[in-house]
Amino acid sequence: QVQLLESGGGLVQPGGSLTLSCAASGNILGIAAMGWYRQAPGNQRDLVAIITSGGSTTHAESVEGRFNISSNMKTVNLRMNMMRPENTTVYYCNVRRFELGYWGQGTQVTVSS
Protein backbone atom coordinates (compact mmCIF):
# COMPACT_ATOMS: atom_id res chain seq x y z
CA GLN A 1 0.00 0.00 0.00
CA VAL A 2 1.01 3.57 -0.65
CA GLN A 3 -0.29 6.45 1.40
CA LEU A 4 -0.34 9.96 -0.02
CA LEU A 5 -0.45 13.22 1.89
CA GLU A 6 -1.19 16.36 -0.09
CA SER A 7 -0.57 19.93 0.94
CA GLY A 8 -0.38 23.41 -0.51
CA GLY A 9 -3.89 24.07 -1.72
CA GLY A 10 -5.71 27.26 -0.93
CA LEU A 11 -6.75 30.62 -2.27
CA VAL A 12 -4.67 32.55 -4.79
CA GLN A 13 -5.35 35.64 -6.86
CA PRO A 14 -5.50 35.50 -10.64
CA GLY A 15 -1.99 35.71 -12.04
CA GLY A 16 -0.54 34.37 -8.82
CA SER A 17 1.36 31.20 -8.02
CA LEU A 18 0.82 28.19 -5.82
CA THR A 19 2.73 24.98 -5.21
CA LEU A 20 1.05 21.68 -4.43
CA SER A 21 3.05 18.96 -2.71
CA CYS A 22 2.35 15.28 -2.22
CA ALA A 23 4.39 12.96 -0.03
CA ALA A 24 4.24 9.21 -0.50
CA SER A 25 4.78 6.74 2.33
CA GLY A 26 4.45 3.01 2.84
CA ASN A 27 5.62 0.73 0.04
CA ILE A 28 7.22 3.39 -2.14
CA LEU A 29 9.86 1.24 -3.80
CA GLY A 30 8.92 0.63 -7.40
CA ILE A 31 6.90 3.78 -7.96
CA ALA A 32 6.81 4.23 -11.72
CA ALA A 33 5.14 7.61 -11.96
CA MET A 34 3.67 10.40 -9.87
CA GLY A 35 1.21 12.95 -11.07
CA TRP A 36 -1.51 15.46 -10.47
CA TYR A 37 -5.08 15.34 -11.70
CA ARG A 38 -8.01 17.66 -11.20
CA GLN A 39 -11.74 17.15 -11.07
CA ALA A 40 -14.54 19.66 -11.07
CA PRO A 41 -17.97 18.63 -9.72
CA GLY A 42 -19.81 16.51 -12.27
CA ASN A 43 -16.75 16.17 -14.47
CA GLN A 44 -14.24 13.41 -14.99
CA ARG A 45 -10.83 13.49 -13.38
CA ASP A 46 -8.34 14.90 -15.87
CA LEU A 47 -4.57 14.78 -16.02
CA VAL A 48 -2.75 17.99 -15.14
CA ALA A 49 0.81 16.69 -15.21
CA ILE A 50 2.72 13.47 -14.71
CA ILE A 51 6.36 12.56 -14.25
CA THR A 52 7.90 9.11 -14.61
CA SER A 53 10.72 7.52 -12.66
CA GLY A 54 12.87 8.15 -15.70
CA GLY A 55 12.20 11.86 -15.51
CA SER A 56 9.85 12.21 -18.47
CA THR A 57 7.10 14.73 -17.96
CA THR A 58 3.77 15.38 -19.58
CA HIS A 59 1.67 18.46 -18.96
CA ALA A 60 -1.87 19.07 -20.11
CA GLU A 61 -1.96 21.46 -23.02
CA SER A 62 -3.98 23.97 -21.01
CA VAL A 63 -1.22 24.32 -18.40
CA GLU A 64 1.85 23.93 -20.61
CA GLY A 65 4.32 26.71 -19.90
CA ARG A 66 2.55 27.78 -16.70
CA PHE A 67 2.60 24.68 -14.50
CA ASN A 68 5.65 22.55 -13.78
CA ILE A 69 5.84 19.12 -12.16
CA SER A 70 8.87 17.82 -10.31
CA SER A 71 9.50 14.72 -8.24
CA ASN A 72 12.06 12.48 -6.61
CA MET A 73 9.58 9.58 -6.62
CA LYS A 74 8.95 10.12 -2.91
CA THR A 75 7.35 13.53 -3.19
CA VAL A 76 5.82 15.25 -6.16
CA ASN A 77 5.36 18.97 -6.50
CA LEU A 78 3.24 20.96 -8.90
CA ARG A 79 4.27 24.57 -9.30
CA MET A 80 1.40 26.56 -10.72
CA ASN A 81 2.16 30.00 -12.15
CA MET A 82 0.01 32.60 -13.88
CA MET A 83 -3.07 31.00 -12.42
CA ARG A 84 -6.52 31.62 -13.86
CA PRO A 85 -9.99 31.43 -12.33
CA GLU A 86 -10.68 28.36 -14.47
CA ASN A 87 -7.92 26.53 -12.57
CA THR A 88 -10.26 26.49 -9.57
CA THR A 89 -11.09 22.92 -8.61
CA VAL A 90 -9.92 19.99 -6.49
CA TYR A 91 -6.48 18.61 -7.33
CA TYR A 92 -5.54 14.99 -6.65
CA CYS A 93 -2.14 13.40 -6.31
CA ASN A 94 -1.68 10.03 -8.04
CA VAL A 95 0.99 7.38 -7.81
CA ARG A 96 1.44 4.43 -10.12
CA ARG A 97 3.22 1.38 -8.72
CA PHE A 98 3.23 -2.13 -10.15
CA GLU A 99 0.03 -1.79 -12.19
CA LEU A 100 -1.81 -0.16 -9.30
CA GLY A 101 -2.84 3.44 -8.87
CA TYR A 102 -3.16 5.29 -5.60
CA TRP A 103 -4.94 8.58 -4.96
CA GLY A 104 -4.61 11.32 -2.42
CA GLN A 105 -7.59 12.81 -0.68
CA GLY A 106 -7.63 15.90 -2.86
CA THR A 107 -6.81 19.51 -2.13
CA GLN A 108 -8.94 22.50 -3.08
CA VAL A 109 -7.41 25.26 -5.17
CA THR A 110 -9.35 28.47 -5.63
CA VAL A 111 -8.27 31.26 -7.94
CA SER A 112 -10.18 34.40 -7.15
CA SER A 113 -9.69 38.06 -6.41
C-alpha atoms as a PDB file:
ATOM      1  CA  GLN A   1       0.000   0.000   0.000  1.00  0.00           C
ATOM      2  CA  VAL A   2       1.015   3.567  -0.646  1.00  0.00           C
ATOM      3  CA  GLN A   3      -0.287   6.454   1.398  1.00  0.00           C
ATOM      4  CA  LEU A   4      -0.337   9.963  -0.024  1.00  0.00           C
ATOM      5  CA  LEU A   5      -0.450  13.218   1.886  1.00  0.00           C
ATOM      6  CA  GLU A   6      -1.187  16.359  -0.089  1.00  0.00           C
ATOM      7  CA  SER A   7      -0.574  19.929   0.941  1.00  0.00           C
ATOM      8  CA  GLY A   8      -0.381  23.411  -0.507  1.00  0.00           C
ATOM      9  CA  GLY A   9      -3.893  24.066  -1.723  1.00  0.00           C
ATOM     10  CA  GLY A  10      -5.712  27.263  -0.935  1.00  0.00           C
ATOM     11  CA  LEU A  11      -6.754  30.622  -2.273  1.00  0.00           C
ATOM     12  CA  VAL A  12      -4.672  32.552  -4.787  1.00  0.00           C
ATOM     13  CA  GLN A  13      -5.348  35.642  -6.856  1.00  0.00           C
ATOM     14  CA  PRO A  14      -5.499  35.497 -10.644  1.00  0.00           C
ATOM     15  CA  GLY A  15      -1.993  35.707 -12.038  1.00  0.00           C
ATOM     16  CA  GLY A  16      -0.542  34.373  -8.820  1.00  0.00           C
ATOM     17  CA  SER A  17       1.361  31.199  -8.018  1.00  0.00           C
ATOM     18  CA  LEU A  18       0.815  28.186  -5.815  1.00  0.00           C
ATOM     19  CA  THR A  19       2.735  24.981  -5.210  1.00  0.00           C
ATOM     20  CA  LEU A  20       1.051  21.683  -4.427  1.00  0.00           C
ATOM     21  CA  SER A  21       3.051  18.964  -2.715  1.00  0.00           C
ATOM     22  CA  CYS A  22       2.348  15.279  -2.219  1.00  0.00           C
ATOM     23  CA  ALA A  23       4.395  12.964  -0.028  1.00  0.00           C
ATOM     24  CA  ALA A  24       4.242   9.211  -0.501  1.00  0.00           C
ATOM     25  CA  SER A  25       4.783   6.744   2.329  1.00  0.00           C
ATOM     26  CA  GLY A  26       4.451   3.008   2.838  1.00  0.00           C
ATOM     27  CA  ASN A  27       5.624   0.729   0.035  1.00  0.00           C
ATOM     28  CA  ILE A  28       7.224   3.389  -2.139  1.00  0.00           C
ATOM     29  CA  LEU A  29       9.857   1.236  -3.804  1.00  0.00           C
ATOM     30  CA  GLY A  30       8.925   0.632  -7.400  1.00  0.00           C
ATOM     31  CA  ILE A  31       6.901   3.780  -7.960  1.00  0.00           C
ATOM     32  CA  ALA A  32       6.813   4.229 -11.718  1.00  0.00           C
ATOM     33  CA  ALA A  33       5.138   7.608 -11.963  1.00  0.00           C
ATOM     34  CA  MET A  34       3.673  10.399  -9.872  1.00  0.00           C
ATOM     35  CA  GLY A  35       1.213  12.946 -11.073  1.00  0.00           C
ATOM     36  CA  TRP A  36      -1.514  15.462 -10.467  1.00  0.00           C
ATOM     37  CA  TYR A  37      -5.079  15.336 -11.696  1.00  0.00           C
ATOM     38  CA  ARG A  38      -8.006  17.661 -11.199  1.00  0.00           C
ATOM     39  CA  GLN A  39     -11.737  17.149 -11.072  1.00  0.00           C
ATOM     40  CA  ALA A  40     -14.543  19.659 -11.068  1.00  0.00           C
ATOM     41  CA  PRO A  41     -17.971  18.631  -9.724  1.00  0.00           C
ATOM     42  CA  GLY A  42     -19.808  16.514 -12.269  1.00  0.00           C
ATOM     43  CA  ASN A  43     -16.753  16.165 -14.466  1.00  0.00           C
ATOM     44  CA  GLN A  44     -14.243  13.410 -14.989  1.00  0.00           C
ATOM     45  CA  ARG A  45     -10.832  13.491 -13.376  1.00  0.00           C
ATOM     46  CA  ASP A  46      -8.338  14.896 -15.865  1.00  0.00           C
ATOM     47  CA  LEU A  47      -4.567  14.784 -16.025  1.00  0.00           C
ATOM     48  CA  VAL A  48      -2.751  17.986 -15.145  1.00  0.00           C
ATOM     49  CA  ALA A  49       0.814  16.692 -15.206  1.00  0.00           C
ATOM     50  CA  ILE A  50       2.716  13.474 -14.705  1.00  0.00           C
ATOM     51  CA  ILE A  51       6.360  12.556 -14.247  1.00  0.00           C
ATOM     52  CA  THR A  52       7.897   9.111 -14.607  1.00  0.00           C
ATOM     53  CA  SER A  53      10.724   7.523 -12.657  1.00  0.00           C
ATOM     54  CA  GLY A  54      12.872   8.147 -15.703  1.00  0.00           C
ATOM     55  CA  GLY A  55      12.197  11.858 -15.509  1.00  0.00           C
ATOM     56  CA  SER A  56       9.855  12.206 -18.469  1.00  0.00           C
ATOM     57  CA  THR A  57       7.096  14.729 -17.955  1.00  0.00           C
ATOM     58  CA  THR A  58       3.768  15.384 -19.582  1.00  0.00           C
ATOM     59  CA  HIS A  59       1.672  18.464 -18.962  1.00  0.00           C
ATOM     60  CA  ALA A  60      -1.865  19.070 -20.105  1.00  0.00           C
ATOM     61  CA  GLU A  61      -1.960  21.464 -23.019  1.00  0.00           C
ATOM     62  CA  SER A  62      -3.977  23.971 -21.014  1.00  0.00           C
ATOM     63  CA  VAL A  63      -1.219  24.318 -18.405  1.00  0.00           C
ATOM     64  CA  GLU A  64       1.848  23.926 -20.615  1.00  0.00           C
ATOM     65  CA  GLY A  65       4.318  26.706 -19.901  1.00  0.00           C
ATOM     66  CA  ARG A  66       2.549  27.779 -16.704  1.00  0.00           C
ATOM     67  CA  PHE A  67       2.605  24.680 -14.500  1.00  0.00           C
ATOM     68  CA  ASN A  68       5.651  22.554 -13.780  1.00  0.00           C
ATOM     69  CA  ILE A  69       5.842  19.123 -12.156  1.00  0.00           C
ATOM     70  CA  SER A  70       8.873  17.819 -10.312  1.00  0.00           C
ATOM     71  CA  SER A  71       9.501  14.719  -8.238  1.00  0.00           C
ATOM     72  CA  ASN A  72      12.062  12.478  -6.611  1.00  0.00           C
ATOM     73  CA  MET A  73       9.577   9.580  -6.624  1.00  0.00           C
ATOM     74  CA  LYS A  74       8.949  10.124  -2.905  1.00  0.00           C
ATOM     75  CA  THR A  75       7.354  13.533  -3.192  1.00  0.00           C
ATOM     76  CA  VAL A  76       5.817  15.247  -6.161  1.00  0.00           C
ATOM     77  CA  ASN A  77       5.360  18.969  -6.501  1.00  0.00           C
ATOM     78  CA  LEU A  78       3.240  20.964  -8.895  1.00  0.00           C
ATOM     79  CA  ARG A  79       4.275  24.568  -9.297  1.00  0.00           C
ATOM     80  CA  MET A  80       1.400  26.559 -10.718  1.00  0.00           C
ATOM     81  CA  ASN A  81       2.159  29.997 -12.149  1.00  0.00           C
ATOM     82  CA  MET A  82       0.005  32.600 -13.877  1.00  0.00           C
ATOM     83  CA  MET A  83      -3.069  31.001 -12.421  1.00  0.00           C
ATOM     84  CA  ARG A  84      -6.515  31.618 -13.860  1.00  0.00           C
ATOM     85  CA  PRO A  85      -9.995  31.431 -12.328  1.00  0.00           C
ATOM     86  CA  GLU A  86     -10.683  28.363 -14.468  1.00  0.00           C
ATOM     87  CA  ASN A  87      -7.921  26.533 -12.575  1.00  0.00           C
ATOM     88  CA  THR A  88     -10.258  26.490  -9.567  1.00  0.00           C
ATOM     89  CA  THR A  89     -11.091  22.920  -8.613  1.00  0.00           C
ATOM     90  CA  VAL A  90      -9.920  19.987  -6.491  1.00  0.00           C
ATOM     91  CA  TYR A  91      -6.483  18.612  -7.327  1.00  0.00           C
ATOM     92  CA  TYR A  92      -5.541  14.991  -6.646  1.00  0.00           C
ATOM     93  CA  CYS A  93      -2.139  13.395  -6.311  1.00  0.00           C
ATOM     94  CA  ASN A  94      -1.679  10.033  -8.040  1.00  0.00           C
ATOM     95  CA  VAL A  95       0.987   7.381  -7.812  1.00  0.00           C
ATOM     96  CA  ARG A  96       1.443   4.425 -10.122  1.00  0.00           C
ATOM     97  CA  ARG A  97       3.220   1.382  -8.716  1.00  0.00           C
ATOM     98  CA  PHE A  98       3.233  -2.133 -10.152  1.00  0.00           C
ATOM     99  CA  GLU A  99       0.026  -1.794 -12.188  1.00  0.00           C
ATOM    100  CA  LEU A 100      -1.806  -0.156  -9.304  1.00  0.00           C
ATOM    101  CA  GLY A 101      -2.839   3.436  -8.865  1.00  0.00           C
ATOM    102  CA  TYR A 102      -3.162   5.293  -5.596  1.00  0.00           C
ATOM    103  CA  TRP A 103      -4.943   8.582  -4.962  1.00  0.00           C
ATOM    104  CA  GLY A 104      -4.610  11.322  -2.423  1.00  0.00           C
ATOM    105  CA  GLN A 105      -7.594  12.806  -0.679  1.00  0.00           C
ATOM    106  CA  GLY A 106      -7.626  15.904  -2.856  1.00  0.00           C
ATOM    107  CA  THR A 107      -6.810  19.506  -2.135  1.00  0.00           C
ATOM    108  CA  GLN A 108      -8.940  22.498  -3.083  1.00  0.00           C
ATOM    109  CA  VAL A 109      -7.409  25.255  -5.166  1.00  0.00           C
ATOM    110  CA  THR A 110      -9.353  28.470  -5.627  1.00  0.00           C
ATOM    111  CA  VAL A 111      -8.268  31.255  -7.944  1.00  0.00           C
ATOM    112  CA  SER A 112     -10.184  34.398  -7.153  1.00  0.00           C
ATOM    113  CA  SER A 113      -9.694  38.055  -6.410  1.00  0.00           C
END
